[in-house]
Amino acid sequence: MLGQRNDNNPSLELVCPAGTPSALKAAAEAGAHSIYCGLRNETNARNFPGLNFSEKELNAGVRLAHKHGSHVLVAVNTFARAGDTQIWKRAVDAVSASGADAIIAADIAVLDYAKEKHPDLRLHLSVQAAAATPESISFYQDTFGVQRVVLPRVMSVEEIVKLHKEITVETEVFVFGGLCVMTEGRCALSSYATGKSPNLTGVCSPPSDVSYDEDGSRLFARLGGFTIDGFEEGETAGYPTLCKGRFKAEGETSYLFEDPVSLNAASLLPRLQKAGVTAVKIEGRQRGKAYISQVVKAFRTAVDALDAGGNAEEEVSAMLSAMTEGGRETTGAYKKIWR
């Protein structure tokens, strides 16, 4: 399906996460059209302990995915350090050698190296590049030959429709999982508390800086020693990220940026397909294989029903009900109620 979309074949490509070899296997067996993953270093924006792939594991993962009819997209989507780009170049070389179907990158140095050294390697522009206008997308397309752009999670369906009237590359959008409330590639909040950010070192709110401390009947979640949230007894405790913390401002304690809820745009798949979107993406490379399997099966059911001219919304909703963060969900910016 990768790169094969046309007017006669409008099927949505289902792009699913894999943070480990076992998760990749689960995604492939559950029916993922494409699976995205990253190497076990700072070249990808999910550089968490215990996650990701060695070069040997990536090679094996690509073979396994292809055996199941799935494509593999590898994220090398952090920003290279000036004067120290060798690890990113090595990552691009490894992706090419693995036989993966595409590389997902954001940094122009990484894109340029991939284009020059591996001209046959398909290039996807990472959401970390935050390209959301015809002008920015055309720059990456004309300069590096980018064939697909992952759109940031700040665009409404109507904006995506307008964008598609002015671009010729494929687009990929997030439809389920963690909701990043910042324009991807622009967030530095985590670095204020921990000295690390997803853009440079591949980690947002790294687990090594997270702690949960009890004080009487309350549980406090802290990041880098800073209290991010507090929970009453019996209340679901969320993971402490600065953008989803509760803080006191003007005498009122509340979520200043965004409630810790999950993105779920399953109900919008028909509109996204009509808008011209090529691929829909599930977030969650840090999730376990059981979660991956269930979510992939749900969205494959939805995509297949859409292809058949039907609607499996109730069935899919039941399959996803236990998978959302804190048991709550939102369609995010796809429906911009503030406009």
Protein backbone atom coordinates (compact mmCIF):
# COMPACT_ATOMS: atom_id res chain seq x y z
CA MET A 1 0.00 0.00 0.00
CA LEU A 2 2.91 2.37 0.71
CA GLY A 3 3.13 4.95 -2.03
CA GLN A 4 0.37 3.27 -4.06
CA ARG A 5 -2.54 5.55 -3.22
CA ASN A 6 -4.43 7.00 -6.19
CA ASP A 7 -7.96 7.93 -7.14
CA ASN A 8 -8.78 4.32 -7.85
CA ASN A 9 -7.32 3.06 -4.57
CA PRO A 10 -8.27 5.50 -1.79
CA SER A 11 -7.79 3.04 1.06
CA LEU A 12 -6.29 4.57 4.18
CA GLU A 13 -2.89 3.16 5.09
CA LEU A 14 -2.75 2.15 8.76
CA VAL A 15 0.59 3.12 10.31
CA CYS A 16 1.25 1.51 13.69
CA PRO A 17 3.94 1.87 16.38
CA ALA A 18 6.51 -0.63 17.59
CA GLY A 19 8.92 0.14 20.39
CA THR A 20 10.27 -3.42 20.61
CA PRO A 21 10.67 -6.44 18.33
CA SER A 22 7.75 -8.16 20.09
CA ALA A 23 5.55 -5.12 19.54
CA LEU A 24 6.52 -5.09 15.85
CA LYS A 25 5.47 -8.73 15.57
CA ALA A 26 2.19 -7.96 17.33
CA ALA A 27 1.46 -5.03 14.99
CA ALA A 28 2.20 -7.10 11.89
CA GLU A 29 0.03 -9.99 13.05
CA ALA A 30 -2.81 -7.59 13.95
CA GLY A 31 -2.94 -6.24 10.40
CA ALA A 32 -0.82 -3.09 10.30
CA HIS A 33 -0.18 -1.89 6.76
CA SER A 34 2.98 -0.12 7.94
CA ILE A 35 4.95 -0.17 11.20
CA TYR A 36 7.19 2.62 12.44
CA CYS A 37 10.06 2.15 14.85
CA GLY A 38 13.45 3.62 15.78
CA LEU A 39 17.01 2.67 16.61
CA ARG A 40 18.16 2.34 20.21
CA ASN A 41 19.85 5.74 20.48
CA GLU A 42 19.16 9.47 20.49
CA THR A 43 18.41 9.61 16.76
CA ASN A 44 14.72 8.96 17.37
CA ALA A 45 12.24 10.93 19.44
CA ARG A 46 11.26 7.99 21.67
CA ASN A 47 14.68 7.27 23.13
CA PHE A 48 13.48 5.58 26.33
CA PRO A 49 15.32 2.85 28.26
CA GLY A 50 14.22 -0.63 27.24
CA LEU A 51 12.75 0.52 23.94
CA ASN A 52 13.77 0.54 20.29
CA PHE A 53 15.92 -1.62 18.07
CA SER A 54 19.55 -2.53 17.61
CA GLU A 55 20.68 -2.66 13.97
CA LYS A 56 20.49 -6.45 14.07
CA GLU A 57 16.96 -6.35 15.52
CA LEU A 58 15.91 -3.84 12.88
CA ASN A 59 17.14 -6.10 10.09
CA ALA A 60 15.20 -9.03 11.56
CA GLY A 61 12.14 -6.86 12.16
CA VAL A 62 12.04 -5.71 8.55
CA ARG A 63 12.19 -9.32 7.34
CA LEU A 64 9.40 -10.37 9.71
CA ALA A 65 7.18 -7.41 8.76
CA HIS A 66 7.65 -8.02 5.05
CA LYS A 67 6.76 -11.68 5.57
CA HIS A 68 3.40 -10.51 6.98
CA GLY A 69 2.90 -7.99 4.17
CA SER A 70 3.67 -4.94 6.34
CA HIS A 71 6.03 -2.10 5.50
CA VAL A 72 8.58 -0.66 7.95
CA LEU A 73 9.19 3.06 8.42
CA VAL A 74 12.16 4.02 10.61
CA ALA A 75 12.25 7.27 12.57
CA VAL A 76 15.56 9.14 12.58
CA ASN A 77 13.70 12.25 13.58
CA THR A 78 15.65 14.13 16.22
CA PHE A 79 17.86 17.11 15.36
CA ALA A 80 21.55 16.45 14.84
CA ARG A 81 24.08 18.29 16.99
CA ALA A 82 26.43 20.72 15.27
CA GLY A 83 29.87 19.16 14.84
CA ASP A 84 28.64 15.74 16.00
CA THR A 85 26.44 14.31 13.25
CA GLN A 86 28.08 10.92 12.83
CA ILE A 87 25.52 8.98 14.86
CA TRP A 88 22.70 10.33 12.66
CA LYS A 89 24.60 9.43 9.48
CA ARG A 90 25.18 5.94 10.84
CA ALA A 91 21.46 5.64 11.59
CA VAL A 92 20.52 6.59 8.02
CA ASP A 93 23.02 4.04 6.67
CA ALA A 94 21.54 1.37 8.95
CA VAL A 95 17.99 2.10 7.81
CA SER A 96 19.02 1.81 4.18
CA ALA A 97 20.94 -1.44 4.79
CA SER A 98 17.99 -2.98 6.66
CA GLY A 99 15.70 -2.91 3.64
CA ALA A 100 13.18 -0.69 5.43
CA ASP A 101 10.59 0.95 3.19
CA ALA A 102 11.12 4.55 4.30
CA ILE A 103 12.98 6.79 6.71
CA ILE A 104 11.16 9.42 8.78
CA ALA A 105 13.34 12.50 9.36
CA ALA A 106 13.03 16.15 10.35
CA ASP A 107 16.51 17.67 10.38
CA ILE A 108 17.62 19.11 7.02
CA ALA A 109 21.13 17.70 7.52
CA VAL A 110 19.70 14.20 7.98
CA LEU A 111 17.40 14.62 4.98
CA ASP A 112 20.26 15.91 2.83
CA TYR A 113 22.53 13.03 3.80
CA ALA A 114 19.81 10.48 3.07
CA LYS A 115 19.10 12.03 -0.33
CA GLU A 116 22.76 12.19 -1.35
CA LYS A 117 24.00 8.85 0.01
CA HIS A 118 20.88 6.72 -0.43
CA PRO A 119 18.87 8.18 -3.34
CA ASP A 120 16.61 5.13 -3.55
CA LEU A 121 15.51 5.42 0.10
CA ARG A 122 11.99 6.80 0.40
CA LEU A 123 11.85 9.96 2.57
CA HIS A 124 9.00 10.87 4.91
CA LEU A 125 9.02 14.20 6.73
CA SER A 126 8.58 13.71 10.47
CA VAL A 127 5.95 15.55 12.47
CA GLN A 128 8.95 16.98 14.35
CA ALA A 129 9.53 19.29 11.36
CA ALA A 130 6.12 20.90 12.05
CA ALA A 131 5.46 21.47 8.34
CA ALA A 132 1.84 22.56 7.96
CA THR A 133 1.79 25.04 5.07
CA PRO A 134 2.08 24.58 1.29
CA GLU A 135 5.25 26.66 1.29
CA SER A 136 7.09 24.65 3.95
CA ILE A 137 6.00 21.32 2.49
CA SER A 138 7.05 22.38 -1.02
CA PHE A 139 10.47 23.30 0.33
CA TYR A 140 11.06 19.80 1.68
CA GLN A 141 9.61 18.20 -1.44
CA ASP A 142 11.64 20.28 -3.89
CA THR A 143 14.89 20.24 -1.91
CA PHE A 144 15.02 16.67 -0.64
CA GLY A 145 12.42 14.74 -2.63
CA VAL A 146 10.21 14.08 0.40
CA GLN A 147 7.26 11.91 -0.63
CA ARG A 148 5.14 12.05 2.53
CA VAL A 149 4.57 14.61 5.29
CA VAL A 150 3.37 13.71 8.78
CA LEU A 151 1.16 16.65 9.74
CA PRO A 152 1.35 18.21 13.23
CA ARG A 153 -1.59 17.61 15.57
CA VAL A 154 -2.81 21.21 15.43
CA MET A 155 -4.75 21.12 12.16
CA SER A 156 -8.50 20.83 11.69
CA VAL A 157 -10.01 18.63 8.99
CA GLU A 158 -11.00 21.76 7.08
CA GLU A 159 -7.39 22.99 7.13
CA ILE A 160 -6.19 19.62 5.84
CA VAL A 161 -8.70 19.84 2.97
CA LYS A 162 -7.36 23.28 2.00
CA LEU A 163 -3.76 22.11 2.30
CA HIS A 164 -4.35 19.20 -0.08
CA LYS A 165 -5.51 21.59 -2.78
CA GLU A 166 -2.01 23.09 -2.88
CA ILE A 167 0.36 20.15 -2.36
CA THR A 168 1.18 16.98 -4.29
CA VAL A 169 2.86 14.86 -1.59
CA GLU A 170 1.16 12.25 0.56
CA THR A 171 0.05 13.18 4.06
CA GLU A 172 -0.10 11.15 7.25
CA VAL A 173 -2.04 12.17 10.36
CA PHE A 174 -2.26 10.92 13.95
CA VAL A 175 -5.61 9.39 14.91
CA PHE A 176 -5.03 7.70 18.27
CA GLY A 177 -2.82 7.85 21.36
CA GLY A 178 -0.98 10.53 23.26
CA LEU A 179 -2.03 14.05 22.35
CA CYS A 180 0.87 16.47 22.00
CA VAL A 181 -0.53 19.91 22.70
CA MET A 182 2.47 21.75 21.27
CA THR A 183 3.42 22.09 17.62
CA GLU A 184 5.79 19.17 17.32
CA GLY A 185 9.41 20.13 16.90
CA ARG A 186 8.89 23.36 18.82
CA CYS A 187 8.51 22.09 22.39
CA ALA A 188 11.26 22.60 24.93
CA LEU A 189 9.19 22.33 28.13
CA SER A 190 10.76 19.06 29.24
CA SER A 191 14.25 20.52 29.07
CA TYR A 192 13.42 23.13 31.70
CA ALA A 193 12.84 20.42 34.30
CA THR A 194 15.22 17.68 33.16
CA GLY A 195 17.72 19.19 30.72
CA LYS A 196 16.40 16.83 28.03
CA SER A 197 13.88 17.33 25.25
CA PRO A 198 12.44 15.17 22.45
CA ASN A 199 13.88 17.42 19.76
CA LEU A 200 17.52 16.89 20.73
CA THR A 201 17.86 13.81 22.89
CA GLY A 202 14.66 11.98 21.99
CA VAL A 203 12.98 12.06 25.40
CA CYS A 204 10.05 14.02 26.75
CA SER A 205 9.76 13.66 30.51
CA PRO A 206 12.30 10.80 30.78
CA PRO A 207 11.36 8.04 33.26
CA SER A 208 14.67 8.48 35.09
CA ASP A 209 13.46 11.94 36.18
CA VAL A 210 9.96 10.83 37.20
CA SER A 211 8.95 10.04 40.78
CA TYR A 212 5.69 9.33 42.62
CA ASP A 213 5.62 10.28 46.29
CA GLU A 214 2.88 9.69 48.85
CA ASP A 215 1.97 12.37 51.38
CA GLY A 216 -0.85 11.23 53.58
CA SER A 217 -3.77 10.24 51.36
CA ARG A 218 -2.41 12.09 48.32
CA LEU A 219 0.01 10.93 45.64
CA PHE A 220 2.26 13.50 44.00
CA ALA A 221 3.83 13.05 40.55
CA ARG A 222 7.11 14.86 40.07
CA LEU A 223 9.43 15.52 37.15
CA GLY A 224 13.03 16.49 37.81
CA GLY A 225 12.05 17.25 41.40
CA PHE A 226 9.22 19.58 40.36
CA THR A 227 5.69 18.68 41.44
CA ILE A 228 3.59 18.32 38.28
CA ASP A 229 0.35 16.90 39.64
CA GLY A 230 -1.35 15.60 42.77
CA PHE A 231 -3.97 12.87 43.03
CA GLU A 232 -6.52 12.03 45.68
CA GLU A 233 -6.88 8.48 46.96
CA GLY A 234 -8.52 6.34 44.27
CA GLU A 235 -7.90 8.92 41.53
CA THR A 236 -6.07 7.69 38.41
CA ALA A 237 -2.49 8.98 38.50
CA GLY A 238 -1.24 10.30 35.18
CA TYR A 239 2.31 10.44 33.90
CA PRO A 240 3.99 13.75 34.80
CA THR A 241 4.60 15.82 31.68
CA LEU A 242 4.75 19.59 32.06
CA CYS A 243 2.18 20.29 29.36
CA LYS A 244 -0.38 18.05 31.11
CA GLY A 245 0.29 19.10 34.69
CA ARG A 246 -2.03 20.83 37.15
CA PHE A 247 -0.81 24.18 38.38
CA LYS A 248 -2.12 27.09 40.43
CA ALA A 249 -2.62 30.28 38.46
CA GLU A 250 -4.56 33.35 39.60
CA GLY A 251 -5.70 31.43 42.66
CA GLU A 252 -7.16 28.51 40.72
CA THR A 253 -5.64 25.04 40.32
CA SER A 254 -6.27 23.48 36.92
CA TYR A 255 -4.73 21.92 33.82
CA LEU A 256 -3.25 25.02 32.21
CA PHE A 257 -2.42 23.56 28.80
CA GLU A 258 -4.46 20.39 28.25
CA ASP A 259 -6.20 17.67 30.22
CA PRO A 260 -4.32 14.33 30.12
CA VAL A 261 -6.62 12.66 27.62
CA SER A 262 -6.04 10.49 24.56
CA LEU A 263 -6.56 11.46 20.96
CA ASN A 264 -9.18 9.27 19.30
CA ALA A 265 -10.21 10.30 15.80
CA ALA A 266 -11.64 6.93 14.73
CA SER A 267 -15.01 8.54 14.06
CA LEU A 268 -13.35 11.00 11.67
CA LEU A 269 -11.74 8.43 9.36
CA PRO A 270 -14.30 8.98 6.55
CA ARG A 271 -13.69 12.75 6.64
CA LEU A 272 -9.92 12.34 6.72
CA GLN A 273 -10.07 9.96 3.77
CA LYS A 274 -12.25 12.40 1.82
CA ALA A 275 -9.84 15.23 2.72
CA GLY A 276 -7.10 13.40 0.80
CA VAL A 277 -5.12 11.92 3.68
CA THR A 278 -3.00 8.92 2.64
CA ALA A 279 -2.19 7.34 6.00
CA VAL A 280 -3.52 7.37 9.56
CA LYS A 281 -1.08 6.90 12.42
CA ILE A 282 -1.35 5.42 15.90
CA GLU A 283 0.93 6.89 18.58
CA GLY A 284 2.51 4.66 21.22
CA ARG A 285 5.96 3.22 20.70
CA GLN A 286 6.32 3.08 24.48
CA ARG A 287 3.26 0.82 24.78
CA GLY A 288 3.26 -2.94 25.32
CA LYS A 289 2.42 -5.56 22.70
CA ALA A 290 -1.05 -6.28 24.15
CA TYR A 291 -2.02 -2.61 23.75
CA ILE A 292 -0.53 -2.49 20.24
CA SER A 293 -2.39 -5.61 19.17
CA GLN A 294 -5.77 -4.38 20.44
CA VAL A 295 -5.52 -0.86 18.99
CA VAL A 296 -4.22 -2.07 15.63
CA LYS A 297 -7.03 -4.63 15.35
CA ALA A 298 -9.58 -1.92 16.15
CA PHE A 299 -8.33 0.49 13.52
CA ARG A 300 -7.85 -2.24 10.93
CA THR A 301 -11.51 -3.12 11.51
CA ALA A 302 -12.44 0.54 10.97
CA VAL A 303 -10.35 0.92 7.81
CA ASP A 304 -11.63 -2.34 6.31
CA ALA A 305 -15.23 -1.34 7.05
CA LEU A 306 -14.63 2.01 5.37
CA ASP A 307 -13.25 0.25 2.29
CA ALA A 308 -16.33 -1.94 2.17
CA GLY A 309 -18.61 1.09 2.31
CA GLY A 310 -19.72 0.34 5.86
CA ASN A 311 -19.24 1.74 9.34
CA ALA A 312 -17.88 -0.16 12.34
CA GLU A 313 -17.89 2.79 14.73
CA GLU A 314 -19.71 1.05 17.60
CA GLU A 315 -17.56 -2.07 17.38
CA VAL A 316 -14.35 -0.04 17.18
CA SER A 317 -15.40 2.22 20.05
CA ALA A 318 -15.90 -0.83 22.28
CA MET A 319 -12.47 -2.19 21.30
CA LEU A 320 -10.78 1.11 22.18
CA SER A 321 -12.70 2.04 25.33
CA ALA A 322 -10.08 0.68 27.75
CA MET A 323 -7.10 2.00 25.82
CA THR A 324 -7.43 5.74 26.33
CA GLU A 325 -5.38 7.73 28.84
CA GLY A 326 -7.32 8.14 32.05
CA GLY A 327 -10.34 6.64 30.34
CA ARG A 328 -10.98 9.92 28.51
CA GLU A 329 -10.60 10.88 24.88
CA THR A 330 -10.82 13.83 22.48
CA THR A 331 -10.75 14.51 18.76
CA GLY A 332 -8.18 17.21 19.48
CA ALA A 333 -7.65 19.96 16.93
CA TYR A 334 -9.52 18.10 14.19
CA LYS A 335 -12.61 19.83 15.55
CA LYS A 336 -11.44 23.27 16.60
CA ILE A 337 -14.29 24.40 18.82
CA TRP A 338 -12.48 27.64 19.68
CA ARG A 339 -12.79 28.91 16.11
